[in-house]
Amino acid sequence: MKTKRITEDYVKMIYQLSQKGEVRCCRLAERLSVSRPTVSVSIKALSEEGLVYQDDIKNIHLTEQGLKLAREVEARHRVLYELLITLGVDERIASIDACKMEHALGEESFQALQSLLSNPK
C-alpha cells in the first residue's frame, strides 16, 4: 500500500463492515468513496502484505495480522473520539478529527491518552 493511513483506513473499514456481514469490493468502495478498481488494486496490495485474503466467492477477510491492526486503529480512534467529546467537541467533528489523528498517534502517546481517560483527575 502507498501509505500507512490508506492501509489503516482499509483494514478498519473491512473490520467494521465484517461486523455487519460479508465484505465485498463494491461495499468497500462505497464506504471509502473510491472506485471499485481502486479497491481491487488496494486489496491485492493488502493481500501481498498479509493483511487480507479473499475467499472463493470474493468476500474479503482480515488475516490475524490484519485483524490485530484493525483493532489497534479502532482503539486509537475510540480513545481520540472520547477525549475530544470530553473536551466539548461536537460529535461529528470529533469523529472526523479522530479519524485523521488516529494514523499519526504513536503507542506511547496513545497509552498516555488512554490512561488519561481511564483516570481523570
PDB file of N, CA and C in Angstrom:
ATOM      1  N   MET A   1       0.843  -1.182   0.000  1.00  0.00           N
ATOM      2  CA  MET A   1       0.000   0.000   0.000  1.00  0.00           C
ATOM      3  C   MET A   1       0.883   1.238   0.000  1.00  0.00           C
ATOM      4  N   LYS A   2       0.297   2.314  -0.436  1.00  0.00           N
ATOM      5  CA  LYS A   2       1.061   3.546  -0.566  1.00  0.00           C
ATOM      6  C   LYS A   2       1.395   4.168   0.780  1.00  0.00           C
ATOM      7  N   THR A   3       0.425   4.263   1.663  1.00  0.00           N
ATOM      8  CA  THR A   3       0.684   4.928   2.936  1.00  0.00           C
ATOM      9  C   THR A   3       0.090   4.142   4.094  1.00  0.00           C
ATOM     10  N   LYS A   4       0.616   4.431   5.261  1.00  0.00           N
ATOM     11  CA  LYS A   4       0.086   3.831   6.480  1.00  0.00           C
ATOM     12  C   LYS A   4      -1.390   4.187   6.649  1.00  0.00           C
ATOM     13  N   ARG A   5      -1.731   5.433   6.334  1.00  0.00           N
ATOM     14  CA  ARG A   5      -3.112   5.885   6.505  1.00  0.00           C
ATOM     15  C   ARG A   5      -4.077   5.080   5.625  1.00  0.00           C
ATOM     16  N   ILE A   6      -3.728   4.884   4.375  1.00  0.00           N
ATOM     17  CA  ILE A   6      -4.601   4.133   3.472  1.00  0.00           C
ATOM     18  C   ILE A   6      -4.745   2.700   3.958  1.00  0.00           C
ATOM     19  N   THR A   7      -3.634   2.088   4.326  1.00  0.00           N
ATOM     20  CA  THR A   7      -3.675   0.719   4.845  1.00  0.00           C
ATOM     21  C   THR A   7      -4.588   0.638   6.055  1.00  0.00           C
ATOM     22  N   GLU A   8      -4.408   1.554   6.995  1.00  0.00           N
ATOM     23  CA  GLU A   8      -5.216   1.533   8.213  1.00  0.00           C
ATOM     24  C   GLU A   8      -6.683   1.823   7.924  1.00  0.00           C
ATOM     25  N   ASP A   9      -6.960   2.745   7.010  1.00  0.00           N
ATOM     26  CA  ASP A   9      -8.355   3.028   6.643  1.00  0.00           C
ATOM     27  C   ASP A   9      -9.030   1.788   6.065  1.00  0.00           C
ATOM     28  N   TYR A  10      -8.326   1.081   5.200  1.00  0.00           N
ATOM     29  CA  TYR A  10      -8.895  -0.123   4.596  1.00  0.00           C
ATOM     30  C   TYR A  10      -9.155  -1.211   5.628  1.00  0.00           C
ATOM     31  N   VAL A  11      -8.151  -1.535   6.456  1.00  0.00           N
ATOM     32  CA  VAL A  11      -8.373  -2.627   7.408  1.00  0.00           C
ATOM     33  C   VAL A  11      -9.442  -2.259   8.431  1.00  0.00           C
ATOM     34  N   LYS A  12      -9.480  -0.987   8.839  1.00  0.00           N
ATOM     35  CA  LYS A  12     -10.528  -0.569   9.784  1.00  0.00           C
ATOM     36  C   LYS A  12     -11.909  -0.693   9.149  1.00  0.00           C
ATOM     37  N   MET A  13     -12.038  -0.269   7.901  1.00  0.00           N
ATOM     38  CA  MET A  13     -13.341  -0.354   7.235  1.00  0.00           C
ATOM     39  C   MET A  13     -13.741  -1.806   6.994  1.00  0.00           C
ATOM     40  N   ILE A  14     -12.801  -2.641   6.600  1.00  0.00           N
ATOM     41  CA  ILE A  14     -13.105  -4.065   6.416  1.00  0.00           C
ATOM     42  C   ILE A  14     -13.577  -4.656   7.738  1.00  0.00           C
ATOM     43  N   TYR A  15     -12.901  -4.292   8.812  1.00  0.00           N
ATOM     44  CA  TYR A  15     -13.284  -4.764  10.143  1.00  0.00           C
ATOM     45  C   TYR A  15     -14.703  -4.313  10.491  1.00  0.00           C
ATOM     46  N   GLN A  16     -15.000  -3.044  10.284  1.00  0.00           N
ATOM     47  CA  GLN A  16     -16.326  -2.521  10.596  1.00  0.00           C
ATOM     48  C   GLN A  16     -17.410  -3.184   9.741  1.00  0.00           C
ATOM     49  N   LEU A  17     -17.156  -3.322   8.457  1.00  0.00           N
ATOM     50  CA  LEU A  17     -18.142  -3.955   7.573  1.00  0.00           C
ATOM     51  C   LEU A  17     -18.336  -5.429   7.911  1.00  0.00           C
ATOM     52  N   SER A  18     -17.269  -6.093   8.316  1.00  0.00           N
ATOM     53  CA  SER A  18     -17.375  -7.521   8.638  1.00  0.00           C
ATOM     54  C   SER A  18     -18.241  -7.759   9.869  1.00  0.00           C
ATOM     55  N   GLN A  19     -18.374  -6.750  10.718  1.00  0.00           N
ATOM     56  CA  GLN A  19     -19.228  -6.864  11.892  1.00  0.00           C
ATOM     57  C   GLN A  19     -20.706  -6.905  11.508  1.00  0.00           C
ATOM     58  N   LYS A  20     -20.997  -6.445  10.283  1.00  0.00           N
ATOM     59  CA  LYS A  20     -22.382  -6.367   9.812  1.00  0.00           C
ATOM     60  C   LYS A  20     -22.703  -7.388   8.726  1.00  0.00           C
ATOM     61  N   GLY A  21     -21.712  -8.127   8.268  1.00  0.00           N
ATOM     62  CA  GLY A  21     -21.958  -9.115   7.224  1.00  0.00           C
ATOM     63  C   GLY A  21     -20.749  -9.293   6.320  1.00  0.00           C
ATOM     64  N   GLU A  22     -21.014  -9.773   5.126  1.00  0.00           N
ATOM     65  CA  GLU A  22     -19.945 -10.035   4.171  1.00  0.00           C
ATOM     66  C   GLU A  22     -19.340  -8.736   3.659  1.00  0.00           C
ATOM     67  N   VAL A  23     -18.060  -8.776   3.362  1.00  0.00           N
ATOM     68  CA  VAL A  23     -17.364  -7.602   2.839  1.00  0.00           C
ATOM     69  C   VAL A  23     -17.013  -7.875   1.378  1.00  0.00           C
ATOM     70  N   ARG A  24     -17.580  -7.051   0.520  1.00  0.00           N
ATOM     71  CA  ARG A  24     -17.327  -7.151  -0.922  1.00  0.00           C
ATOM     72  C   ARG A  24     -16.689  -5.849  -1.398  1.00  0.00           C
ATOM     73  N   CYS A  25     -16.016  -5.927  -2.537  1.00  0.00           N
ATOM     74  CA  CYS A  25     -15.349  -4.740  -3.099  1.00  0.00           C
ATOM     75  C   CYS A  25     -16.317  -3.576  -3.288  1.00  0.00           C
ATOM     76  N   CYS A  26     -17.528  -3.866  -3.744  1.00  0.00           N
ATOM     77  CA  CYS A  26     -18.478  -2.784  -4.021  1.00  0.00           C
ATOM     78  C   CYS A  26     -18.872  -2.053  -2.739  1.00  0.00           C
ATOM     79  N   ARG A  27     -19.082  -2.774  -1.642  1.00  0.00           N
ATOM     80  CA  ARG A  27     -19.412  -2.136  -0.361  1.00  0.00           C
ATOM     81  C   ARG A  27     -18.242  -1.322   0.165  1.00  0.00           C
ATOM     82  N   LEU A  28     -17.055  -1.873   0.008  1.00  0.00           N
ATOM     83  CA  LEU A  28     -15.860  -1.188   0.469  1.00  0.00           C
ATOM     84  C   LEU A  28     -15.634   0.098  -0.332  1.00  0.00           C
ATOM     85  N   ALA A  29     -15.810   0.019  -1.635  1.00  0.00           N
ATOM     86  CA  ALA A  29     -15.649   1.201  -2.496  1.00  0.00           C
ATOM     87  C   ALA A  29     -16.641   2.292  -2.098  1.00  0.00           C
ATOM     88  N   GLU A  30     -17.867   1.886  -1.857  1.00  0.00           N
ATOM     89  CA  GLU A  30     -18.905   2.842  -1.470  1.00  0.00           C
ATOM     90  C   GLU A  30     -18.565   3.530  -0.155  1.00  0.00           C
ATOM     91  N   ARG A  31     -18.164   2.763   0.837  1.00  0.00           N
ATOM     92  CA  ARG A  31     -17.884   3.313   2.162  1.00  0.00           C
ATOM     93  C   ARG A  31     -16.622   4.175   2.199  1.00  0.00           C
ATOM     94  N   LEU A  32     -15.634   3.835   1.355  1.00  0.00           N
ATOM     95  CA  LEU A  32     -14.389   4.601   1.325  1.00  0.00           C
ATOM     96  C   LEU A  32     -14.410   5.710   0.277  1.00  0.00           C
ATOM     97  N   SER A  33     -15.505   5.785  -0.472  1.00  0.00           N
ATOM     98  CA  SER A  33     -15.663   6.795  -1.525  1.00  0.00           C
ATOM     99  C   SER A  33     -14.546   6.734  -2.562  1.00  0.00           C
ATOM    100  N   VAL A  34     -14.273   5.513  -3.004  1.00  0.00           N
ATOM    101  CA  VAL A  34     -13.295   5.287  -4.066  1.00  0.00           C
ATOM    102  C   VAL A  34     -13.924   4.370  -5.104  1.00  0.00           C
ATOM    103  N   SER A  35     -13.256   4.213  -6.235  1.00  0.00           N
ATOM    104  CA  SER A  35     -13.789   3.357  -7.297  1.00  0.00           C
ATOM    105  C   SER A  35     -13.539   1.877  -6.986  1.00  0.00           C
ATOM    106  N   ARG A  36     -14.318   1.019  -7.622  1.00  0.00           N
ATOM    107  CA  ARG A  36     -14.121  -0.421  -7.437  1.00  0.00           C
ATOM    108  C   ARG A  36     -12.746  -0.867  -7.933  1.00  0.00           C
ATOM    109  N   PRO A  37     -12.262  -0.324  -9.077  1.00  0.00           N
ATOM    110  CA  PRO A  37     -10.902  -0.709  -9.487  1.00  0.00           C
ATOM    111  C   PRO A  37      -9.834  -0.307  -8.456  1.00  0.00           C
ATOM    112  N   THR A  38     -10.023   0.839  -7.807  1.00  0.00           N
ATOM    113  CA  THR A  38      -9.091   1.261  -6.763  1.00  0.00           C
ATOM    114  C   THR A  38      -9.106   0.267  -5.614  1.00  0.00           C
ATOM    115  N   VAL A  39     -10.284  -0.183  -5.239  1.00  0.00           N
ATOM    116  CA  VAL A  39     -10.396  -1.177  -4.165  1.00  0.00           C
ATOM    117  C   VAL A  39      -9.713  -2.475  -4.581  1.00  0.00           C
ATOM    118  N   SER A  40      -9.918  -2.902  -5.799  1.00  0.00           N
ATOM    119  CA  SER A  40      -9.303  -4.151  -6.274  1.00  0.00           C
ATOM    120  C   SER A  40      -7.782  -4.090  -6.187  1.00  0.00           C
ATOM    121  N   VAL A  41      -7.212  -2.979  -6.625  1.00  0.00           N
ATOM    122  CA  VAL A  41      -5.759  -2.807  -6.555  1.00  0.00           C
ATOM    123  C   VAL A  41      -5.299  -2.790  -5.098  1.00  0.00           C
ATOM    124  N   SER A  42      -6.027  -2.093  -4.260  1.00  0.00           N
ATOM    125  CA  SER A  42      -5.669  -1.983  -2.844  1.00  0.00           C
ATOM    126  C   SER A  42      -5.780  -3.324  -2.131  1.00  0.00           C
ATOM    127  N   ILE A  43      -6.813  -4.087  -2.445  1.00  0.00           N
ATOM    128  CA  ILE A  43      -6.979  -5.399  -1.824  1.00  0.00           C
ATOM    129  C   ILE A  43      -5.836  -6.318  -2.226  1.00  0.00           C
ATOM    130  N   LYS A  44      -5.416  -6.232  -3.470  1.00  0.00           N
ATOM    131  CA  LYS A  44      -4.272  -7.036  -3.923  1.00  0.00           C
ATOM    132  C   LYS A  44      -3.027  -6.671  -3.118  1.00  0.00           C
ATOM    133  N   ALA A  45      -2.788  -5.368  -2.936  1.00  0.00           N
ATOM    134  CA  ALA A  45      -1.625  -4.917  -2.165  1.00  0.00           C
ATOM    135  C   ALA A  45      -1.728  -5.351  -0.698  1.00  0.00           C
ATOM    136  N   LEU A  46      -2.920  -5.223  -0.113  1.00  0.00           N
ATOM    137  CA  LEU A  46      -3.120  -5.649   1.281  1.00  0.00           C
ATOM    138  C   LEU A  46      -2.919  -7.154   1.426  1.00  0.00           C
ATOM    139  N   SER A  47      -3.321  -7.888   0.417  1.00  0.00           N
ATOM    140  CA  SER A  47      -3.129  -9.336   0.415  1.00  0.00           C
ATOM    141  C   SER A  47      -1.641  -9.681   0.382  1.00  0.00           C
ATOM    142  N   GLU A  48      -0.895  -8.963  -0.441  1.00  0.00           N
ATOM    143  CA  GLU A  48       0.550  -9.182  -0.525  1.00  0.00           C
ATOM    144  C   GLU A  48       1.249  -8.838   0.785  1.00  0.00           C
ATOM    145  N   GLU A  49       0.665  -7.914   1.555  1.00  0.00           N
ATOM    146  CA  GLU A  49       1.214  -7.545   2.864  1.00  0.00           C
ATOM    147  C   GLU A  49       0.771  -8.514   3.963  1.00  0.00           C
ATOM    148  N   GLY A  50      -0.102  -9.455   3.612  1.00  0.00           N
ATOM    149  CA  GLY A  50      -0.565 -10.435   4.588  1.00  0.00           C
ATOM    150  C   GLY A  50      -1.646  -9.938   5.513  1.00  0.00           C
ATOM    151  N   LEU A  51      -2.372  -8.892   5.100  1.00  0.00           N
ATOM    152  CA  LEU A  51      -3.400  -8.308   5.958  1.00  0.00           C
ATOM    153  C   LEU A  51      -4.808  -8.791   5.631  1.00  0.00           C
ATOM    154  N   VAL A  52      -5.050  -9.186   4.381  1.00  0.00           N
ATOM    155  CA  VAL A  52      -6.375  -9.640   3.961  1.00  0.00           C
ATOM    156  C   VAL A  52      -6.239 -10.830   3.013  1.00  0.00           C
ATOM    157  N   TYR A  53      -7.371 -11.495   2.814  1.00  0.00           N
ATOM    158  CA  TYR A  53      -7.462 -12.514   1.771  1.00  0.00           C
ATOM    159  C   TYR A  53      -8.894 -12.526   1.266  1.00  0.00           C
ATOM    160  N   GLN A  54      -9.081 -13.067   0.082  1.00  0.00           N
ATOM    161  CA  GLN A  54     -10.421 -13.215  -0.481  1.00  0.00           C
ATOM    162  C   GLN A  54     -10.735 -14.696  -0.598  1.00  0.00           C
ATOM    163  N   ASP A  55     -11.979 -15.055  -0.258  1.00  0.00           N
ATOM    164  CA  ASP A  55     -12.386 -16.445  -0.381  1.00  0.00           C
ATOM    165  C   ASP A  55     -12.809 -16.738  -1.823  1.00  0.00           C
ATOM    166  N   ASP A  56     -13.307 -17.947  -2.050  1.00  0.00           N
ATOM    167  CA  ASP A  56     -13.661 -18.383  -3.403  1.00  0.00           C
ATOM    168  C   ASP A  56     -14.751 -17.544  -4.052  1.00  0.00           C
ATOM    169  N   ILE A  57     -15.595 -16.914  -3.237  1.00  0.00           N
ATOM    170  CA  ILE A  57     -16.662 -16.093  -3.825  1.00  0.00           C
ATOM    171  C   ILE A  57     -16.366 -14.594  -3.692  1.00  0.00           C
ATOM    172  N   LYS A  58     -15.092 -14.282  -3.478  1.00  0.00           N
ATOM    173  CA  LYS A  58     -14.575 -12.911  -3.480  1.00  0.00           C
ATOM    174  C   LYS A  58     -14.984 -12.061  -2.273  1.00  0.00           C
ATOM    175  N   ASN A  59     -15.399 -12.694  -1.185  1.00  0.00           N
ATOM    176  CA  ASN A  59     -15.593 -11.948   0.058  1.00  0.00           C
ATOM    177  C   ASN A  59     -14.216 -11.629   0.624  1.00  0.00           C
ATOM    178  N   ILE A  60     -14.082 -10.457   1.224  1.00  0.00           N
ATOM    179  CA  ILE A  60     -12.806 -10.003   1.763  1.00  0.00           C
ATOM    180  C   ILE A  60     -12.778 -10.282   3.267  1.00  0.00           C
ATOM    181  N   HIS A  61     -11.666 -10.856   3.720  1.00  0.00           N
ATOM    182  CA  HIS A  61     -11.497 -11.195   5.133  1.00  0.00           C
ATOM    183  C   HIS A  61     -10.159 -10.667   5.622  1.00  0.00           C
ATOM    184  N   LEU A  62     -10.096 -10.306   6.880  1.00  0.00           N
ATOM    185  CA  LEU A  62      -8.835  -9.913   7.502  1.00  0.00           C
ATOM    186  C   LEU A  62      -8.099 -11.160   7.982  1.00  0.00           C
ATOM    187  N   THR A  63      -6.788 -11.163   7.819  1.00  0.00           N
ATOM    188  CA  THR A  63      -5.963 -12.198   8.423  1.00  0.00           C
ATOM    189  C   THR A  63      -5.815 -11.866   9.908  1.00  0.00           C
ATOM    190  N   GLU A  64      -5.144 -12.716  10.653  1.00  0.00           N
ATOM    191  CA  GLU A  64      -4.895 -12.410  12.067  1.00  0.00           C
ATOM    192  C   GLU A  64      -4.108 -11.109  12.192  1.00  0.00           C
ATOM    193  N   GLN A  65      -3.125 -10.921  11.328  1.00  0.00           N
ATOM    194  CA  GLN A  65      -2.328  -9.691  11.333  1.00  0.00           C
ATOM    195  C   GLN A  65      -3.198  -8.480  10.983  1.00  0.00           C
ATOM    196  N   GLY A  66      -4.076  -8.625  10.005  1.00  0.00           N
ATOM    197  CA  GLY A  66      -4.979  -7.541   9.620  1.00  0.00           C
ATOM    198  C   GLY A  66      -5.975  -7.221  10.716  1.00  0.00           C
ATOM    199  N   LEU A  67      -6.477  -8.248  11.365  1.00  0.00           N
ATOM    200  CA  LEU A  67      -7.422  -8.062  12.464  1.00  0.00           C
ATOM    201  C   LEU A  67      -6.756  -7.330  13.634  1.00  0.00           C
ATOM    202  N   LYS A  68      -5.525  -7.688  13.932  1.00  0.00           N
ATOM    203  CA  LYS A  68      -4.779  -7.022  15.004  1.00  0.00           C
ATOM    204  C   LYS A  68      -4.614  -5.537  14.678  1.00  0.00           C
ATOM    205  N   LEU A  69      -4.215  -5.230  13.453  1.00  0.00           N
ATOM    206  CA  LEU A  69      -4.039  -3.840  13.044  1.00  0.00           C
ATOM    207  C   LEU A  69      -5.368  -3.089  13.096  1.00  0.00           C
ATOM    208  N   ALA A  70      -6.430  -3.694  12.605  1.00  0.00           N
ATOM    209  CA  ALA A  70      -7.748  -3.048  12.606  1.00  0.00           C
ATOM    210  C   ALA A  70      -8.197  -2.717  14.019  1.00  0.00           C
ATOM    211  N   ARG A  71      -7.991  -3.636  14.933  1.00  0.00           N
ATOM    212  CA  ARG A  71      -8.385  -3.401  16.328  1.00  0.00           C
ATOM    213  C   ARG A  71      -7.550  -2.290  16.963  1.00  0.00           C
ATOM    214  N   GLU A  72      -6.271  -2.214  16.605  1.00  0.00           N
ATOM    215  CA  GLU A  72      -5.415  -1.144  17.125  1.00  0.00           C
ATOM    216  C   GLU A  72      -5.884   0.220  16.615  1.00  0.00           C
ATOM    217  N   VAL A  73      -6.184   0.296  15.324  1.00  0.00           N
ATOM    218  CA  VAL A  73      -6.649   1.559  14.738  1.00  0.00           C
ATOM    219  C   VAL A  73      -7.992   1.950  15.349  1.00  0.00           C
ATOM    220  N   GLU A  74      -8.872   0.979  15.494  1.00  0.00           N
ATOM    221  CA  GLU A  74     -10.188   1.223  16.090  1.00  0.00           C
ATOM    222  C   GLU A  74     -10.038   1.743  17.529  1.00  0.00           C
ATOM    223  N   ALA A  75      -9.109   1.169  18.282  1.00  0.00           N
ATOM    224  CA  ALA A  75      -8.881   1.605  19.671  1.00  0.00           C
ATOM    225  C   ALA A  75      -8.350   3.038  19.712  1.00  0.00           C
ATOM    226  N   ARG A  76      -7.403   3.362  18.822  1.00  0.00           N
ATOM    227  CA  ARG A  76      -6.885   4.732  18.778  1.00  0.00           C
ATOM    228  C   ARG A  76      -8.007   5.711  18.441  1.00  0.00           C
ATOM    229  N   HIS A  77      -8.849   5.332  17.476  1.00  0.00           N
ATOM    230  CA  HIS A  77      -9.961   6.194  17.086  1.00  0.00           C
ATOM    231  C   HIS A  77     -10.906   6.423  18.267  1.00  0.00           C
ATOM    232  N   ARG A  78     -11.248   5.348  18.929  1.00  0.00           N
ATOM    233  CA  ARG A  78     -12.195   5.431  20.049  1.00  0.00           C
ATOM    234  C   ARG A  78     -11.660   6.329  21.166  1.00  0.00           C
ATOM    235  N   VAL A  79     -10.384   6.175  21.519  1.00  0.00           N
ATOM    236  CA  VAL A  79      -9.793   6.994  22.587  1.00  0.00           C
ATOM    237  C   VAL A  79      -9.763   8.460  22.172  1.00  0.00           C
ATOM    238  N   LEU A  80      -9.330   8.733  20.948  1.00  0.00           N
ATOM    239  CA  LEU A  80      -9.282  10.119  20.481  1.00  0.00           C
ATOM    240  C   LEU A  80     -10.680  10.730  20.419  1.00  0.00           C
ATOM    241  N   TYR A  81     -11.636   9.966  19.919  1.00  0.00           N
ATOM    242  CA  TYR A  81     -13.019  10.437  19.839  1.00  0.00           C
ATOM    243  C   TYR A  81     -13.551  10.768  21.230  1.00  0.00           C
ATOM    244  N   GLU A  82     -13.378   9.863  22.165  1.00  0.00           N
ATOM    245  CA  GLU A  82     -13.874  10.072  23.531  1.00  0.00           C
ATOM    246  C   GLU A  82     -13.197  11.269  24.188  1.00  0.00           C
ATOM    247  N   LEU A  83     -11.902  11.425  23.950  1.00  0.00           N
ATOM    248  CA  LEU A  83     -11.191  12.567  24.513  1.00  0.00           C
ATOM    249  C   LEU A  83     -11.735  13.878  23.945  1.00  0.00           C
ATOM    250  N   LEU A  84     -11.942  13.931  22.642  1.00  0.00           N
ATOM    251  CA  LEU A  84     -12.474  15.140  22.014  1.00  0.00           C
ATOM    252  C   LEU A  84     -13.887  15.451  22.509  1.00  0.00           C
ATOM    253  N   ILE A  85     -14.704  14.425  22.661  1.00  0.00           N
ATOM    254  CA  ILE A  85     -16.064  14.617  23.187  1.00  0.00           C
ATOM    255  C   ILE A  85     -15.991  15.171  24.608  1.00  0.00           C
ATOM    256  N   THR A  86     -15.090  14.607  25.410  1.00  0.00           N
ATOM    257  CA  THR A  86     -14.902  15.075  26.783  1.00  0.00           C
ATOM    258  C   THR A  86     -14.502  16.546  26.821  1.00  0.00           C
ATOM    259  N   LEU A  87     -13.763  16.967  25.809  1.00  0.00           N
ATOM    260  CA  LEU A  87     -13.329  18.363  25.724  1.00  0.00           C
ATOM    261  C   LEU A  87     -14.401  19.283  25.153  1.00  0.00           C
ATOM    262  N   GLY A  88     -15.561  18.722  24.788  1.00  0.00           N
ATOM    263  CA  GLY A  88     -16.672  19.529  24.320  1.00  0.00           C
ATOM    264  C   GLY A  88     -16.782  19.675  22.811  1.00  0.00           C
ATOM    265  N   VAL A  89     -16.024  18.891  22.065  1.00  0.00           N
ATOM    266  CA  VAL A  89     -16.094  18.954  20.609  1.00  0.00           C
ATOM    267  C   VAL A  89     -17.377  18.264  20.135  1.00  0.00           C
ATOM    268  N   ASP A  90     -18.011  18.836  19.128  1.00  0.00           N
ATOM    269  CA  ASP A  90     -19.204  18.255  18.521  1.00  0.00           C
ATOM    270  C   ASP A  90     -18.908  16.825  18.057  1.00  0.00           C
ATOM    271  N   GLU A  91     -19.873  15.917  18.208  1.00  0.00           N
ATOM    272  CA  GLU A  91     -19.671  14.503  17.880  1.00  0.00           C
ATOM    273  C   GLU A  91     -19.213  14.273  16.447  1.00  0.00           C
ATOM    274  N   ARG A  92     -19.827  14.968  15.501  1.00  0.00           N
ATOM    275  CA  ARG A  92     -19.472  14.785  14.091  1.00  0.00           C
ATOM    276  C   ARG A  92     -18.041  15.236  13.831  1.00  0.00           C
ATOM    277  N   ILE A  93     -17.688  16.376  14.370  1.00  0.00           N
ATOM    278  CA  ILE A  93     -16.327  16.902  14.203  1.00  0.00           C
ATOM    279  C   ILE A  93     -15.326  16.005  14.939  1.00  0.00           C
ATOM    280  N   ALA A  94     -15.687  15.537  16.122  1.00  0.00           N
ATOM    281  CA  ALA A  94     -14.804  14.654  16.890  1.00  0.00           C
ATOM    282  C   ALA A  94     -14.514  13.375  16.111  1.00  0.00           C
ATOM    283  N   SER A  95     -15.518  12.832  15.449  1.00  0.00           N
ATOM    284  CA  SER A  95     -15.327  11.617  14.666  1.00  0.00           C
ATOM    285  C   SER A  95     -14.402  11.850  13.472  1.00  0.00           C
ATOM    286  N   ILE A  96     -14.622  12.951  12.777  1.00  0.00           N
ATOM    287  CA  ILE A  96     -13.787  13.293  11.619  1.00  0.00           C
ATOM    288  C   ILE A  96     -12.340  13.535  12.053  1.00  0.00           C
ATOM    289  N   ASP A  97     -12.165  14.314  13.106  1.00  0.00           N
ATOM    290  CA  ASP A  97     -10.817  14.626  13.570  1.00  0.00           C
ATOM    291  C   ASP A  97     -10.112  13.399  14.142  1.00  0.00           C
ATOM    292  N   ALA A  98     -10.835  12.565  14.867  1.00  0.00           N
ATOM    293  CA  ALA A  98     -10.239  11.340  15.413  1.00  0.00           C
ATOM    294  C   ALA A  98      -9.753  10.445  14.286  1.00  0.00           C
ATOM    295  N   CYS A  99     -10.505  10.397  13.196  1.00  0.00           N
ATOM    296  CA  CYS A  99     -10.117   9.587  12.043  1.00  0.00           C
ATOM    297  C   CYS A  99      -8.811  10.095  11.435  1.00  0.00           C
ATOM    298  N   LYS A 100      -8.627  11.394  11.434  1.00  0.00           N
ATOM    299  CA  LYS A 100      -7.386  11.973  10.906  1.00  0.00           C
ATOM    300  C   LYS A 100      -6.211  11.723  11.857  1.00  0.00           C
ATOM    301  N   MET A 101      -6.448  11.885  13.147  1.00  0.00           N
ATOM    302  CA  MET A 101      -5.370  11.797  14.133  1.00  0.00           C
ATOM    303  C   MET A 101      -4.952  10.356  14.438  1.00  0.00           C
ATOM    304  N   GLU A 102      -5.854   9.406  14.265  1.00  0.00           N
ATOM    305  CA  GLU A 102      -5.562   8.020  14.648  1.00  0.00           C
ATOM    306  C   GLU A 102      -4.341   7.461  13.934  1.00  0.00           C
ATOM    307  N   HIS A 103      -4.032   7.984  12.769  1.00  0.00           N
ATOM    308  CA  HIS A 103      -2.925   7.456  11.972  1.00  0.00           C
ATOM    309  C   HIS A 103      -1.572   7.985  12.423  1.00  0.00           C
ATOM    310  N   ALA A 104      -1.562   9.106  13.096  1.00  0.00           N
ATOM    311  CA  ALA A 104      -0.304   9.740  13.489  1.00  0.00           C
ATOM    312  C   ALA A 104       0.066   9.471  14.944  1.00  0.00           C
ATOM    313  N   LEU A 105      -0.850   8.917  15.690  1.00  0.00           N
ATOM    314  CA  LEU A 105      -0.645   8.730  17.124  1.00  0.00           C
ATOM    315  C   LEU A 105       0.265   7.538  17.400  1.00  0.00           C
ATOM    316  N   GLY A 106       1.378   7.801  18.091  1.00  0.00           N
ATOM    317  CA  GLY A 106       2.302   6.737  18.472  1.00  0.00           C
ATOM    318  C   GLY A 106       1.800   5.980  19.687  1.00  0.00           C
ATOM    319  N   GLU A 107       2.423   4.847  19.946  1.00  0.00           N
ATOM    320  CA  GLU A 107       1.983   3.972  21.033  1.00  0.00           C
ATOM    321  C   GLU A 107       2.099   4.640  22.404  1.00  0.00           C
ATOM    322  N   GLU A 108       3.197   5.335  22.652  1.00  0.00           N
ATOM    323  CA  GLU A 108       3.368   5.975  23.956  1.00  0.00           C
ATOM    324  C   GLU A 108       2.301   7.049  24.186  1.00  0.00           C
ATOM    325  N   SER A 109       2.046   7.850  23.165  1.00  0.00           N
ATOM    326  CA  SER A 109       1.014   8.887  23.277  1.00  0.00           C
ATOM    327  C   SER A 109      -0.365   8.264  23.433  1.00  0.00           C
ATOM    328  N   PHE A 110      -0.613   7.200  22.697  1.00  0.00           N
ATOM    329  CA  PHE A 110      -1.899   6.504  22.809  1.00  0.00           C
ATOM    330  C   PHE A 110      -2.107   6.008  24.235  1.00  0.00           C
ATOM    331  N   GLN A 111      -1.089   5.376  24.802  1.00  0.00           N
ATOM    332  CA  GLN A 111      -1.201   4.859  26.169  1.00  0.00           C
ATOM    333  C   GLN A 111      -1.451   5.997  27.167  1.00  0.00           C
ATOM    334  N   ALA A 112      -0.782   7.129  26.954  1.00  0.00           N
ATOM    335  CA  ALA A 112      -0.965   8.268  27.859  1.00  0.00           C
ATOM    336  C   ALA A 112      -2.385   8.819  27.767  1.00  0.00           C
ATOM    337  N   LEU A 113      -2.891   8.966  26.551  1.00  0.00           N
ATOM    338  CA  LEU A 113      -4.259   9.468  26.372  1.00  0.00           C
ATOM    339  C   LEU A 113      -5.283   8.480  26.921  1.00  0.00           C
ATOM    340  N   GLN A 114      -5.036   7.220  26.696  1.00  0.00           N
ATOM    341  CA  GLN A 114      -5.933   6.182  27.197  1.00  0.00           C
ATOM    342  C   GLN A 114      -5.979   6.193  28.719  1.00  0.00           C
ATOM    343  N   SER A 115      -4.811   6.354  29.353  1.00  0.00           N
ATOM    344  CA  SER A 115      -4.788   6.396  30.820  1.00  0.00           C
ATOM    345  C   SER A 115      -5.446   7.661  31.347  1.00  0.00           C
ATOM    346  N   LEU A 116      -5.334   8.748  30.590  1.00  0.00           N
ATOM    347  CA  LEU A 116      -5.997   9.998  30.972  1.00  0.00           C
ATOM    348  C   LEU A 116      -7.518   9.806  31.019  1.00  0.00           C
ATOM    349  N   LEU A 117      -8.049   9.104  30.041  1.00  0.00           N
ATOM    350  CA  LEU A 117      -9.495   8.851  30.032  1.00  0.00           C
ATOM    351  C   LEU A 117      -9.902   7.868  31.118  1.00  0.00           C
ATOM    352  N   SER A 118      -9.013   6.919  31.417  1.00  0.00           N
ATOM    353  CA  SER A 118      -9.319   5.916  32.435  1.00  0.00           C
ATOM    354  C   SER A 118      -9.216   6.479  33.844  1.00  0.00           C
ATOM    355  N   ASN A 119      -8.325   7.457  34.018  1.00  0.00           N
ATOM    356  CA  ASN A 119      -8.074   8.029  35.349  1.00  0.00           C
ATOM    357  C   ASN A 119      -8.171   9.545  35.322  1.00  0.00           C
ATOM    358  N   PRO A 120      -9.372  10.099  35.064  1.00  0.00           N
ATOM    359  CA  PRO A 120      -9.479  11.566  35.030  1.00  0.00           C
ATOM    360  C   PRO A 120      -9.170  12.149  36.402  1.00  0.00           C
ATOM    361  N   LYS A 121      -8.564  13.347  36.382  1.00  0.00           N
ATOM    362  CA  LYS A 121      -8.189  13.990  37.651  1.00  0.00           C
ATOM    363  C   LYS A 121      -9.273  14.895  38.146  1.00  0.00           C
TER     364      LYS A 121
END
